[in-house]
Amino acid sequence: MDWQQWHRDYDDPGSPVSQRLAEVRTRLAVALADVPGRIRLLNLCAGDARDTVPVLAGLERQVDACAVELDPVLADRARRAAADAGVALDVRTGDAADPTTYADRLPVDVLMLIGVLGNISDADGEATVASAASMLSPGGTVIWTRSNRFRSEPTHEYADPAEWVRDRFAAHGFDEVGYVVPAEGYWRLGVARLRTPSAEPLPERLFTFVR
């Protein structure tokens, strides 16, 4: 998958990914504002961090933020965007599926899984959701997205795979705060707050992209 090419869809303000981007920024701003005291943020598979940098730039409070992106070109764009906006953002060019890449940042108050769960198998999705409960501090928030498309053979009977993801978060100790289904478009966005932290150690690898 050419992720640099994929990001060019953002150039069209009417595209589904641009509409999703606006919703992600709105939800992220609310989640960060709800954190008392010091704020710790982790964005996995962050791309060029366009969903994060403008939100951080608009906050009056400082955020201890980290973005992880495997593609070096996109990671460099994220660093430049943060620098141009005067935002302190630790951009790490590395594999977001490998928890050792950001282990020193855990736990966090807000975890972003944007564009992750729709590109991995159900087994990896289950593992990633379960791991989120170990990556967040008590009461922490996860913001996630999932399309209504299947990228691999499903292991469930849900017609909309995002509904399965919602149930997985509930099963792993999260309370749903928000869920967005656009009037038109294939994306869904969920916000969930950790009710029951997990003491389970993180696996060596969270997921593998199927495309």
N, C-alpha and C. Protein backbone atom coordinates (compact mmCIF):
# COMPACT_ATOMS: atom_id res chain seq x y z
N MET A 1 0.85 -1.20 0.00
CA MET A 1 0.00 0.00 0.00
C MET A 1 0.88 1.24 0.00
N ASP A 2 0.63 2.16 -0.94
CA ASP A 2 1.36 3.42 -1.00
C ASP A 2 0.62 4.42 -0.10
N TRP A 3 1.08 4.55 1.15
CA TRP A 3 0.39 5.40 2.10
C TRP A 3 0.58 6.88 1.80
N GLN A 4 1.67 7.23 1.11
CA GLN A 4 1.84 8.62 0.71
C GLN A 4 0.78 9.00 -0.32
N GLN A 5 0.51 8.10 -1.26
CA GLN A 5 -0.54 8.33 -2.25
C GLN A 5 -1.90 8.39 -1.56
N TRP A 6 -2.11 7.51 -0.59
CA TRP A 6 -3.39 7.48 0.12
C TRP A 6 -3.66 8.81 0.79
N HIS A 7 -2.62 9.43 1.34
CA HIS A 7 -2.81 10.69 2.05
C HIS A 7 -3.20 11.84 1.12
N ARG A 8 -3.02 11.67 -0.18
CA ARG A 8 -3.38 12.74 -1.10
C ARG A 8 -4.89 12.94 -1.18
N ASP A 9 -5.66 11.97 -0.71
CA ASP A 9 -7.11 12.14 -0.68
C ASP A 9 -7.51 13.29 0.24
N TYR A 10 -6.64 13.65 1.17
CA TYR A 10 -6.92 14.78 2.06
C TYR A 10 -6.94 16.11 1.30
N ASP A 11 -6.36 16.13 0.10
CA ASP A 11 -6.36 17.36 -0.68
C ASP A 11 -7.76 17.74 -1.14
N ASP A 12 -8.66 16.78 -1.15
CA ASP A 12 -10.06 17.03 -1.50
C ASP A 12 -10.85 17.22 -0.21
N PRO A 13 -11.29 18.45 0.09
CA PRO A 13 -11.99 18.69 1.36
C PRO A 13 -13.32 17.96 1.46
N GLY A 14 -13.84 17.48 0.34
CA GLY A 14 -15.10 16.77 0.36
C GLY A 14 -14.95 15.27 0.43
N SER A 15 -13.73 14.78 0.47
CA SER A 15 -13.49 13.34 0.48
C SER A 15 -13.87 12.75 1.83
N PRO A 16 -14.17 11.45 1.87
CA PRO A 16 -14.50 10.82 3.15
C PRO A 16 -13.40 10.95 4.20
N VAL A 17 -12.14 10.86 3.77
CA VAL A 17 -11.06 10.96 4.76
C VAL A 17 -10.95 12.37 5.32
N SER A 18 -11.26 13.38 4.51
CA SER A 18 -11.25 14.75 5.02
C SER A 18 -12.38 14.98 6.00
N GLN A 19 -13.52 14.39 5.73
CA GLN A 19 -14.65 14.49 6.66
C GLN A 19 -14.33 13.77 7.97
N ARG A 20 -13.68 12.61 7.84
CA ARG A 20 -13.28 11.88 9.04
C ARG A 20 -12.26 12.68 9.83
N LEU A 21 -11.33 13.31 9.13
CA LEU A 21 -10.29 14.12 9.77
C LEU A 21 -10.91 15.20 10.65
N ALA A 22 -11.91 15.89 10.14
CA ALA A 22 -12.55 16.95 10.92
C ALA A 22 -13.15 16.40 12.20
N GLU A 23 -13.76 15.23 12.11
CA GLU A 23 -14.38 14.62 13.29
C GLU A 23 -13.32 14.16 14.29
N VAL A 24 -12.22 13.60 13.79
CA VAL A 24 -11.14 13.17 14.67
C VAL A 24 -10.58 14.36 15.44
N ARG A 25 -10.33 15.46 14.75
CA ARG A 25 -9.80 16.65 15.43
C ARG A 25 -10.74 17.14 16.51
N THR A 26 -12.03 17.17 16.21
CA THR A 26 -13.02 17.63 17.19
C THR A 26 -13.01 16.74 18.42
N ARG A 27 -13.03 15.44 18.20
CA ARG A 27 -13.05 14.49 19.32
C ARG A 27 -11.76 14.52 20.11
N LEU A 28 -10.64 14.71 19.43
CA LEU A 28 -9.35 14.77 20.12
C LEU A 28 -9.29 16.00 21.02
N ALA A 29 -9.75 17.12 20.53
CA ALA A 29 -9.74 18.35 21.33
C ALA A 29 -10.55 18.17 22.61
N VAL A 30 -11.69 17.52 22.51
CA VAL A 30 -12.54 17.29 23.68
C VAL A 30 -11.85 16.34 24.66
N ALA A 31 -11.26 15.27 24.12
CA ALA A 31 -10.60 14.29 24.99
C ALA A 31 -9.43 14.90 25.74
N LEU A 32 -8.65 15.73 25.08
CA LEU A 32 -7.51 16.37 25.74
C LEU A 32 -7.97 17.37 26.80
N ALA A 33 -9.04 18.08 26.49
CA ALA A 33 -9.55 19.08 27.44
C ALA A 33 -10.08 18.43 28.71
N ASP A 34 -10.49 17.18 28.61
CA ASP A 34 -11.06 16.48 29.77
C ASP A 34 -10.02 15.92 30.72
N VAL A 35 -8.75 15.96 30.32
CA VAL A 35 -7.69 15.38 31.15
C VAL A 35 -7.23 16.41 32.17
N PRO A 36 -7.32 16.11 33.47
CA PRO A 36 -6.81 17.06 34.47
C PRO A 36 -5.29 16.96 34.59
N GLY A 37 -4.66 18.06 34.81
CA GLY A 37 -3.20 18.04 35.01
C GLY A 37 -2.44 17.72 33.75
N ARG A 38 -1.35 17.01 33.92
CA ARG A 38 -0.49 16.65 32.80
C ARG A 38 -1.22 15.76 31.80
N ILE A 39 -1.00 16.00 30.50
CA ILE A 39 -1.66 15.24 29.45
C ILE A 39 -0.62 14.45 28.67
N ARG A 40 -0.85 13.15 28.53
CA ARG A 40 0.03 12.30 27.74
C ARG A 40 -0.77 11.71 26.58
N LEU A 41 -0.23 11.88 25.39
CA LEU A 41 -0.93 11.47 24.17
C LEU A 41 -0.04 10.58 23.32
N LEU A 42 -0.62 9.52 22.77
CA LEU A 42 0.09 8.63 21.86
C LEU A 42 -0.76 8.38 20.64
N ASN A 43 -0.20 8.65 19.46
CA ASN A 43 -0.88 8.45 18.19
C ASN A 43 -0.13 7.38 17.41
N LEU A 44 -0.76 6.23 17.21
CA LEU A 44 -0.12 5.12 16.50
C LEU A 44 -0.52 5.13 15.02
N CYS A 45 0.44 4.83 14.15
CA CYS A 45 0.23 4.91 12.70
C CYS A 45 -0.27 6.32 12.36
N ALA A 46 0.51 7.30 12.81
CA ALA A 46 0.07 8.70 12.81
C ALA A 46 0.12 9.38 11.45
N GLY A 47 0.76 8.76 10.45
CA GLY A 47 0.88 9.42 9.16
C GLY A 47 1.65 10.72 9.30
N ASP A 48 1.14 11.78 8.71
CA ASP A 48 1.80 13.09 8.81
C ASP A 48 1.28 13.91 9.98
N ALA A 49 0.51 13.27 10.85
CA ALA A 49 0.02 13.88 12.10
C ALA A 49 -0.89 15.09 11.86
N ARG A 50 -1.53 15.14 10.72
CA ARG A 50 -2.42 16.28 10.47
C ARG A 50 -3.67 16.23 11.34
N ASP A 51 -3.96 15.06 11.93
CA ASP A 51 -5.09 14.99 12.84
C ASP A 51 -4.72 15.42 14.25
N THR A 52 -3.43 15.61 14.49
CA THR A 52 -2.94 15.89 15.83
C THR A 52 -2.36 17.29 15.98
N VAL A 53 -1.49 17.68 15.07
CA VAL A 53 -0.75 18.94 15.19
C VAL A 53 -1.66 20.15 15.32
N PRO A 54 -2.69 20.32 14.46
CA PRO A 54 -3.54 21.51 14.61
C PRO A 54 -4.27 21.56 15.95
N VAL A 55 -4.63 20.41 16.48
CA VAL A 55 -5.32 20.38 17.78
C VAL A 55 -4.36 20.80 18.88
N LEU A 56 -3.15 20.28 18.86
CA LEU A 56 -2.16 20.66 19.87
C LEU A 56 -1.83 22.15 19.78
N ALA A 57 -1.78 22.67 18.57
CA ALA A 57 -1.46 24.09 18.38
C ALA A 57 -2.55 24.99 18.94
N GLY A 58 -3.77 24.48 19.00
CA GLY A 58 -4.88 25.29 19.49
C GLY A 58 -5.11 25.21 20.98
N LEU A 59 -4.32 24.38 21.67
CA LEU A 59 -4.49 24.24 23.11
C LEU A 59 -3.61 25.23 23.87
N GLU A 60 -4.11 25.70 24.98
CA GLU A 60 -3.31 26.57 25.83
C GLU A 60 -2.44 25.76 26.78
N ARG A 61 -2.78 24.50 26.96
CA ARG A 61 -2.00 23.61 27.83
C ARG A 61 -1.01 22.81 27.00
N GLN A 62 0.11 22.48 27.60
CA GLN A 62 1.10 21.68 26.91
C GLN A 62 0.75 20.20 27.02
N VAL A 63 0.98 19.48 25.96
CA VAL A 63 0.70 18.06 25.91
C VAL A 63 2.00 17.30 25.66
N ASP A 64 2.21 16.26 26.45
CA ASP A 64 3.35 15.38 26.25
C ASP A 64 2.94 14.37 25.19
N ALA A 65 3.23 14.69 23.93
CA ALA A 65 2.66 13.95 22.81
C ALA A 65 3.72 13.21 22.02
N CYS A 66 3.33 12.02 21.56
CA CYS A 66 4.21 11.18 20.75
C CYS A 66 3.41 10.63 19.57
N ALA A 67 3.99 10.67 18.39
CA ALA A 67 3.38 10.11 17.19
C ALA A 67 4.33 9.08 16.60
N VAL A 68 3.81 7.93 16.23
CA VAL A 68 4.63 6.85 15.67
C VAL A 68 4.17 6.57 14.25
N GLU A 69 5.11 6.60 13.31
CA GLU A 69 4.80 6.36 11.90
C GLU A 69 5.96 5.62 11.24
N LEU A 70 5.63 4.55 10.52
CA LEU A 70 6.66 3.72 9.89
C LEU A 70 7.22 4.36 8.63
N ASP A 71 6.38 5.03 7.86
CA ASP A 71 6.83 5.63 6.59
C ASP A 71 7.69 6.85 6.89
N PRO A 72 8.96 6.85 6.48
CA PRO A 72 9.85 7.96 6.84
C PRO A 72 9.45 9.29 6.22
N VAL A 73 8.87 9.27 5.04
CA VAL A 73 8.45 10.52 4.40
C VAL A 73 7.31 11.15 5.18
N LEU A 74 6.33 10.35 5.55
CA LEU A 74 5.20 10.87 6.33
C LEU A 74 5.66 11.32 7.71
N ALA A 75 6.59 10.58 8.31
CA ALA A 75 7.10 10.97 9.63
C ALA A 75 7.82 12.31 9.54
N ASP A 76 8.59 12.51 8.49
CA ASP A 76 9.28 13.80 8.32
C ASP A 76 8.28 14.94 8.13
N ARG A 77 7.21 14.66 7.41
CA ARG A 77 6.17 15.69 7.24
C ARG A 77 5.55 16.05 8.58
N ALA A 78 5.36 15.06 9.41
CA ALA A 78 4.81 15.31 10.75
C ALA A 78 5.75 16.19 11.56
N ARG A 79 7.04 15.91 11.49
CA ARG A 79 8.02 16.73 12.22
C ARG A 79 8.01 18.18 11.72
N ARG A 80 7.96 18.35 10.42
CA ARG A 80 7.95 19.71 9.85
C ARG A 80 6.67 20.44 10.24
N ALA A 81 5.54 19.74 10.18
CA ALA A 81 4.27 20.37 10.54
C ALA A 81 4.29 20.82 11.99
N ALA A 82 4.82 19.98 12.87
CA ALA A 82 4.89 20.33 14.28
C ALA A 82 5.80 21.52 14.51
N ALA A 83 6.94 21.51 13.83
CA ALA A 83 7.88 22.62 13.98
C ALA A 83 7.28 23.92 13.47
N ASP A 84 6.60 23.85 12.33
CA ASP A 84 5.99 25.05 11.75
C ASP A 84 4.88 25.60 12.66
N ALA A 85 4.21 24.70 13.38
CA ALA A 85 3.11 25.12 14.25
C ALA A 85 3.59 25.47 15.65
N GLY A 86 4.88 25.29 15.91
CA GLY A 86 5.41 25.56 17.24
C GLY A 86 4.93 24.57 18.27
N VAL A 87 4.71 23.33 17.84
CA VAL A 87 4.17 22.29 18.71
C VAL A 87 5.28 21.31 19.08
N ALA A 88 5.34 20.95 20.35
CA ALA A 88 6.28 19.93 20.80
C ALA A 88 5.65 18.56 20.56
N LEU A 89 6.19 17.82 19.59
CA LEU A 89 5.67 16.51 19.24
C LEU A 89 6.84 15.57 18.98
N ASP A 90 6.92 14.51 19.75
CA ASP A 90 7.95 13.50 19.58
C ASP A 90 7.51 12.55 18.48
N VAL A 91 8.04 12.73 17.28
CA VAL A 91 7.69 11.88 16.14
C VAL A 91 8.73 10.78 16.01
N ARG A 92 8.29 9.55 16.10
CA ARG A 92 9.19 8.41 16.03
C ARG A 92 8.94 7.63 14.74
N THR A 93 9.97 7.52 13.93
CA THR A 93 9.88 6.72 12.72
C THR A 93 10.11 5.27 13.12
N GLY A 94 9.04 4.51 13.22
CA GLY A 94 9.16 3.14 13.68
C GLY A 94 7.85 2.40 13.53
N ASP A 95 7.88 1.16 13.94
CA ASP A 95 6.74 0.27 13.79
C ASP A 95 5.78 0.42 14.97
N ALA A 96 4.60 0.93 14.71
CA ALA A 96 3.61 1.11 15.78
C ALA A 96 3.09 -0.22 16.31
N ALA A 97 3.29 -1.28 15.57
CA ALA A 97 2.86 -2.59 16.04
C ALA A 97 3.80 -3.17 17.08
N ASP A 98 4.97 -2.59 17.22
CA ASP A 98 5.98 -3.05 18.17
C ASP A 98 5.95 -2.15 19.39
N PRO A 99 5.43 -2.61 20.53
CA PRO A 99 5.29 -1.75 21.71
C PRO A 99 6.62 -1.21 22.25
N THR A 100 7.73 -1.86 21.92
CA THR A 100 9.01 -1.35 22.41
C THR A 100 9.35 0.00 21.77
N THR A 101 8.70 0.32 20.66
CA THR A 101 8.95 1.59 19.98
C THR A 101 8.55 2.78 20.85
N TYR A 102 7.56 2.58 21.71
CA TYR A 102 7.03 3.68 22.52
C TYR A 102 6.77 3.26 23.97
N ALA A 103 7.40 2.18 24.41
CA ALA A 103 7.16 1.67 25.77
C ALA A 103 7.46 2.71 26.84
N ASP A 104 8.47 3.56 26.58
CA ASP A 104 8.83 4.58 27.56
C ASP A 104 7.78 5.67 27.69
N ARG A 105 6.80 5.68 26.80
CA ARG A 105 5.74 6.69 26.82
C ARG A 105 4.50 6.23 27.57
N LEU A 106 4.43 4.98 27.87
CA LEU A 106 3.23 4.40 28.48
C LEU A 106 3.26 4.50 30.00
N PRO A 107 2.08 4.61 30.64
CA PRO A 107 0.75 4.70 30.04
C PRO A 107 0.45 6.13 29.61
N VAL A 108 -0.58 6.26 28.77
CA VAL A 108 -0.98 7.58 28.29
C VAL A 108 -2.43 7.87 28.69
N ASP A 109 -2.81 9.12 28.54
CA ASP A 109 -4.18 9.53 28.86
C ASP A 109 -5.10 9.44 27.64
N VAL A 110 -4.52 9.64 26.46
CA VAL A 110 -5.30 9.57 25.22
C VAL A 110 -4.51 8.74 24.22
N LEU A 111 -5.16 7.74 23.66
CA LEU A 111 -4.56 6.87 22.66
C LEU A 111 -5.34 7.00 21.37
N MET A 112 -4.63 7.22 20.26
CA MET A 112 -5.28 7.35 18.96
C MET A 112 -4.97 6.12 18.11
N LEU A 113 -6.04 5.48 17.66
CA LEU A 113 -5.94 4.34 16.75
C LEU A 113 -6.73 4.68 15.49
N ILE A 114 -6.23 5.62 14.75
CA ILE A 114 -6.91 6.12 13.55
C ILE A 114 -6.37 5.39 12.33
N GLY A 115 -7.26 4.71 11.61
CA GLY A 115 -6.83 3.99 10.42
C GLY A 115 -6.06 2.71 10.71
N VAL A 116 -6.19 2.19 11.90
CA VAL A 116 -5.47 0.97 12.28
C VAL A 116 -6.38 -0.26 12.19
N LEU A 117 -7.49 -0.23 12.89
CA LEU A 117 -8.32 -1.42 13.06
C LEU A 117 -8.97 -1.90 11.78
N GLY A 118 -9.07 -1.05 10.78
CA GLY A 118 -9.64 -1.46 9.51
C GLY A 118 -8.66 -2.11 8.57
N ASN A 119 -7.39 -2.15 8.97
CA ASN A 119 -6.36 -2.68 8.09
C ASN A 119 -5.66 -3.92 8.65
N ILE A 120 -6.28 -4.53 9.67
CA ILE A 120 -5.69 -5.70 10.31
C ILE A 120 -6.74 -6.79 10.45
N SER A 121 -6.29 -8.00 10.75
CA SER A 121 -7.21 -9.12 10.92
C SER A 121 -8.01 -8.98 12.20
N ASP A 122 -9.07 -9.77 12.32
CA ASP A 122 -9.86 -9.74 13.54
C ASP A 122 -9.05 -10.18 14.74
N ALA A 123 -8.19 -11.17 14.55
CA ALA A 123 -7.36 -11.64 15.66
C ALA A 123 -6.45 -10.53 16.16
N ASP A 124 -5.85 -9.79 15.23
CA ASP A 124 -4.99 -8.68 15.62
C ASP A 124 -5.81 -7.53 16.19
N GLY A 125 -7.03 -7.37 15.67
CA GLY A 125 -7.90 -6.34 16.22
C GLY A 125 -8.24 -6.62 17.67
N GLU A 126 -8.53 -7.87 17.97
CA GLU A 126 -8.81 -8.27 19.34
C GLU A 126 -7.61 -8.00 20.24
N ALA A 127 -6.42 -8.37 19.75
CA ALA A 127 -5.20 -8.17 20.53
C ALA A 127 -4.91 -6.69 20.75
N THR A 128 -5.17 -5.87 19.74
CA THR A 128 -4.90 -4.44 19.84
C THR A 128 -5.86 -3.77 20.82
N VAL A 129 -7.13 -4.12 20.74
CA VAL A 129 -8.11 -3.56 21.68
C VAL A 129 -7.78 -3.98 23.11
N ALA A 130 -7.43 -5.24 23.29
CA ALA A 130 -7.06 -5.71 24.63
C ALA A 130 -5.83 -4.98 25.14
N SER A 131 -4.88 -4.74 24.25
CA SER A 131 -3.65 -4.05 24.65
C SER A 131 -3.89 -2.60 25.00
N ALA A 132 -4.91 -2.00 24.39
CA ALA A 132 -5.23 -0.60 24.69
C ALA A 132 -5.55 -0.43 26.17
N ALA A 133 -6.12 -1.45 26.78
CA ALA A 133 -6.45 -1.38 28.20
C ALA A 133 -5.21 -1.41 29.08
N SER A 134 -4.08 -1.87 28.52
CA SER A 134 -2.81 -1.85 29.24
C SER A 134 -1.99 -0.61 28.93
N MET A 135 -2.33 0.07 27.84
CA MET A 135 -1.56 1.23 27.40
C MET A 135 -2.07 2.55 27.97
N LEU A 136 -3.31 2.52 28.46
CA LEU A 136 -3.94 3.74 28.98
C LEU A 136 -3.90 3.78 30.50
N SER A 137 -3.83 4.99 31.02
CA SER A 137 -3.98 5.19 32.46
C SER A 137 -5.44 5.03 32.82
N PRO A 138 -5.77 4.79 34.11
CA PRO A 138 -7.18 4.66 34.50
C PRO A 138 -7.98 5.88 34.07
N GLY A 139 -9.13 5.64 33.43
CA GLY A 139 -9.95 6.73 32.95
C GLY A 139 -9.49 7.30 31.63
N GLY A 140 -8.45 6.70 31.04
CA GLY A 140 -7.93 7.19 29.77
C GLY A 140 -8.89 6.96 28.61
N THR A 141 -8.66 7.67 27.53
CA THR A 141 -9.56 7.65 26.38
C THR A 141 -8.86 7.12 25.14
N VAL A 142 -9.56 6.28 24.40
CA VAL A 142 -9.08 5.83 23.10
C VAL A 142 -10.02 6.37 22.02
N ILE A 143 -9.42 6.90 20.98
CA ILE A 143 -10.18 7.35 19.80
C ILE A 143 -9.80 6.43 18.66
N TRP A 144 -10.80 5.78 18.07
CA TRP A 144 -10.52 4.79 17.04
C TRP A 144 -11.41 4.99 15.83
N THR A 145 -10.96 4.48 14.70
CA THR A 145 -11.78 4.50 13.50
C THR A 145 -11.78 3.11 12.87
N ARG A 146 -12.83 2.87 12.12
CA ARG A 146 -12.96 1.60 11.38
C ARG A 146 -13.92 1.84 10.24
N SER A 147 -13.61 1.35 9.06
CA SER A 147 -14.56 1.47 7.96
C SER A 147 -15.57 0.32 8.04
N ASN A 148 -16.57 0.37 7.19
CA ASN A 148 -17.55 -0.71 7.15
C ASN A 148 -17.16 -1.78 6.14
N ARG A 149 -15.91 -1.73 5.69
CA ARG A 149 -15.41 -2.68 4.71
C ARG A 149 -14.60 -3.79 5.38
N PHE A 150 -14.60 -4.94 4.76
CA PHE A 150 -13.80 -6.06 5.24
C PHE A 150 -12.52 -6.16 4.43
N ARG A 151 -11.36 -6.16 5.12
CA ARG A 151 -10.07 -6.31 4.45
C ARG A 151 -9.58 -7.75 4.48
N SER A 152 -10.17 -8.56 5.35
CA SER A 152 -9.80 -9.97 5.44
C SER A 152 -11.05 -10.75 5.83
N GLU A 153 -10.97 -12.06 5.79
CA GLU A 153 -12.12 -12.90 6.11
C GLU A 153 -12.52 -12.69 7.57
N PRO A 154 -13.76 -12.29 7.83
CA PRO A 154 -14.17 -12.01 9.21
C PRO A 154 -14.32 -13.28 10.03
N THR A 155 -14.21 -13.13 11.33
CA THR A 155 -14.40 -14.25 12.25
C THR A 155 -15.71 -14.08 13.02
N HIS A 156 -16.52 -13.14 12.60
CA HIS A 156 -17.79 -12.86 13.27
C HIS A 156 -18.88 -12.70 12.23
N GLU A 157 -20.11 -12.52 12.69
CA GLU A 157 -21.24 -12.41 11.78
C GLU A 157 -21.82 -11.00 11.71
N TYR A 158 -21.07 -10.02 12.18
CA TYR A 158 -21.54 -8.63 12.12
C TYR A 158 -21.52 -8.14 10.67
N ALA A 159 -22.62 -7.51 10.26
CA ALA A 159 -22.66 -6.96 8.91
C ALA A 159 -21.74 -5.75 8.78
N ASP A 160 -21.59 -5.00 9.87
CA ASP A 160 -20.71 -3.84 9.92
C ASP A 160 -19.59 -4.16 10.90
N PRO A 161 -18.35 -4.30 10.42
CA PRO A 161 -17.25 -4.67 11.33
C PRO A 161 -16.98 -3.65 12.42
N ALA A 162 -17.39 -2.41 12.23
CA ALA A 162 -17.19 -1.41 13.28
C ALA A 162 -18.04 -1.74 14.50
N GLU A 163 -19.18 -2.36 14.28
CA GLU A 163 -20.01 -2.77 15.42
C GLU A 163 -19.30 -3.84 16.24
N TRP A 164 -18.59 -4.71 15.57
CA TRP A 164 -17.80 -5.73 16.27
C TRP A 164 -16.71 -5.06 17.11
N VAL A 165 -16.07 -4.02 16.55
CA VAL A 165 -15.03 -3.30 17.29
C VAL A 165 -15.63 -2.66 18.54
N ARG A 166 -16.79 -2.07 18.43
CA ARG A 166 -17.45 -1.47 19.60
C ARG A 166 -17.63 -2.50 20.70
N ASP A 167 -18.07 -3.68 20.34
CA ASP A 167 -18.27 -4.73 21.33
C ASP A 167 -16.96 -5.20 21.94
N ARG A 168 -15.90 -5.20 21.14
CA ARG A 168 -14.59 -5.62 21.65
C ARG A 168 -14.09 -4.65 22.72
N PHE A 169 -14.27 -3.37 22.48
CA PHE A 169 -13.86 -2.39 23.50
C PHE A 169 -14.68 -2.57 24.77
N ALA A 170 -15.98 -2.79 24.63
CA ALA A 170 -16.82 -3.01 25.81
C ALA A 170 -16.37 -4.25 26.58
N ALA A 171 -15.98 -5.28 25.85
CA ALA A 171 -15.56 -6.53 26.49
C ALA A 171 -14.24 -6.39 27.21
N HIS A 172 -13.45 -5.40 26.84
CA HIS A 172 -12.13 -5.24 27.43
C HIS A 172 -12.07 -4.05 28.40
N GLY A 173 -13.21 -3.71 28.99
CA GLY A 173 -13.21 -2.76 30.09
C GLY A 173 -13.38 -1.31 29.72
N PHE A 174 -13.96 -1.02 28.55
CA PHE A 174 -14.17 0.36 28.11
C PHE A 174 -15.65 0.72 28.11
N ASP A 175 -15.93 1.98 28.43
CA ASP A 175 -17.27 2.54 28.29
C ASP A 175 -17.28 3.46 27.08
N GLU A 176 -18.26 3.30 26.23
CA GLU A 176 -18.33 4.13 25.04
C GLU A 176 -18.76 5.55 25.39
N VAL A 177 -18.01 6.51 24.88
CA VAL A 177 -18.30 7.92 25.09
C VAL A 177 -18.99 8.52 23.87
N GLY A 178 -18.61 8.06 22.70
CA GLY A 178 -19.20 8.57 21.47
C GLY A 178 -19.00 7.60 20.33
N TYR A 179 -19.92 7.66 19.37
CA TYR A 179 -19.82 6.81 18.19
C TYR A 179 -20.46 7.57 17.03
N VAL A 180 -19.71 7.71 15.94
CA VAL A 180 -20.16 8.53 14.82
C VAL A 180 -20.24 7.68 13.55
N VAL A 181 -21.41 7.74 12.91
CA VAL A 181 -21.61 7.14 11.60
C VAL A 181 -22.08 8.25 10.67
N PRO A 182 -21.29 8.61 9.67
CA PRO A 182 -21.69 9.74 8.81
C PRO A 182 -22.93 9.41 7.99
N ALA A 183 -23.64 10.45 7.58
CA ALA A 183 -24.82 10.25 6.74
C ALA A 183 -24.43 9.59 5.43
N GLU A 184 -23.27 9.96 4.92
CA GLU A 184 -22.72 9.34 3.73
C GLU A 184 -21.25 9.04 3.99
N GLY A 185 -20.80 7.90 3.55
CA GLY A 185 -19.40 7.55 3.77
C GLY A 185 -19.26 6.22 4.48
N TYR A 186 -18.09 5.64 4.36
CA TYR A 186 -17.85 4.29 4.86
C TYR A 186 -17.18 4.26 6.23
N TRP A 187 -16.74 5.42 6.74
CA TRP A 187 -15.97 5.42 7.99
C TRP A 187 -16.89 5.52 9.20
N ARG A 188 -16.37 5.01 10.32
CA ARG A 188 -17.01 5.16 11.62
C ARG A 188 -15.94 5.60 12.61
N LEU A 189 -16.34 6.33 13.61
CA LEU A 189 -15.40 6.79 14.63
C LEU A 189 -15.97 6.51 16.00
N GLY A 190 -15.13 5.95 16.86
CA GLY A 190 -15.55 5.67 18.22
C GLY A 190 -14.65 6.32 19.25
N VAL A 191 -15.23 6.66 20.37
CA VAL A 191 -14.48 7.20 21.52
C VAL A 191 -14.90 6.38 22.73
N ALA A 192 -13.91 5.83 23.43
CA ALA A 192 -14.22 4.99 24.59
C ALA A 192 -13.29 5.34 25.74
N ARG A 193 -13.82 5.25 26.95
CA ARG A 193 -13.05 5.57 28.15
C ARG A 193 -12.80 4.28 28.94
N LEU A 194 -11.56 4.13 29.38
CA LEU A 194 -11.17 2.92 30.09
C LEU A 194 -11.78 2.89 31.49
N ARG A 195 -12.58 1.87 31.73
CA ARG A 195 -13.20 1.67 33.03
C ARG A 195 -12.36 0.75 33.90
N THR A 196 -11.86 -0.29 33.30
CA THR A 196 -11.12 -1.32 34.03
C THR A 196 -9.74 -1.50 33.43
N PRO A 197 -8.70 -0.93 34.02
CA PRO A 197 -7.34 -1.09 33.48
C PRO A 197 -6.91 -2.55 33.50
N SER A 198 -6.04 -2.90 32.58
CA SER A 198 -5.53 -4.26 32.50
C SER A 198 -4.07 -4.30 32.96
N ALA A 199 -3.73 -5.34 33.69
CA ALA A 199 -2.36 -5.53 34.13
C ALA A 199 -1.61 -6.51 33.22
N GLU A 200 -2.27 -6.92 32.14
CA GLU A 200 -1.65 -7.88 31.23
C GLU A 200 -0.48 -7.22 30.49
N PRO A 201 0.65 -7.92 30.36
CA PRO A 201 1.77 -7.36 29.61
C PRO A 201 1.43 -7.25 28.12
N LEU A 202 2.02 -6.29 27.47
CA LEU A 202 1.78 -6.14 26.04
C LEU A 202 2.47 -7.25 25.27
N PRO A 203 1.86 -7.70 24.18
CA PRO A 203 2.49 -8.73 23.36
C PRO A 203 3.70 -8.16 22.63
N GLU A 204 4.52 -9.03 22.07
CA GLU A 204 5.68 -8.57 21.31
C GLU A 204 5.25 -7.78 20.08
N ARG A 205 4.09 -8.14 19.54
CA ARG A 205 3.60 -7.44 18.36
C ARG A 205 2.08 -7.32 18.45
N LEU A 206 1.56 -6.14 18.16
CA LEU A 206 0.13 -5.91 18.26
C LEU A 206 -0.62 -6.35 17.01
N PHE A 207 -0.07 -6.04 15.85
CA PHE A 207 -0.81 -6.29 14.61
C PHE A 207 0.13 -6.31 13.41
N THR A 208 -0.43 -6.80 12.29
CA THR A 208 0.22 -6.73 10.98
C THR A 208 -0.79 -6.24 9.98
N PHE A 209 -0.47 -5.24 9.22
CA PHE A 209 -1.41 -4.74 8.22
C PHE A 209 -1.62 -5.80 7.13
N VAL A 210 -2.86 -5.91 6.67
CA VAL A 210 -3.19 -6.90 5.65
C VAL A 210 -3.17 -6.30 4.26
N ARG A 211 -2.80 -5.03 4.15
CA ARG A 211 -2.67 -4.43 2.82
C ARG A 211 -1.55 -3.41 2.83
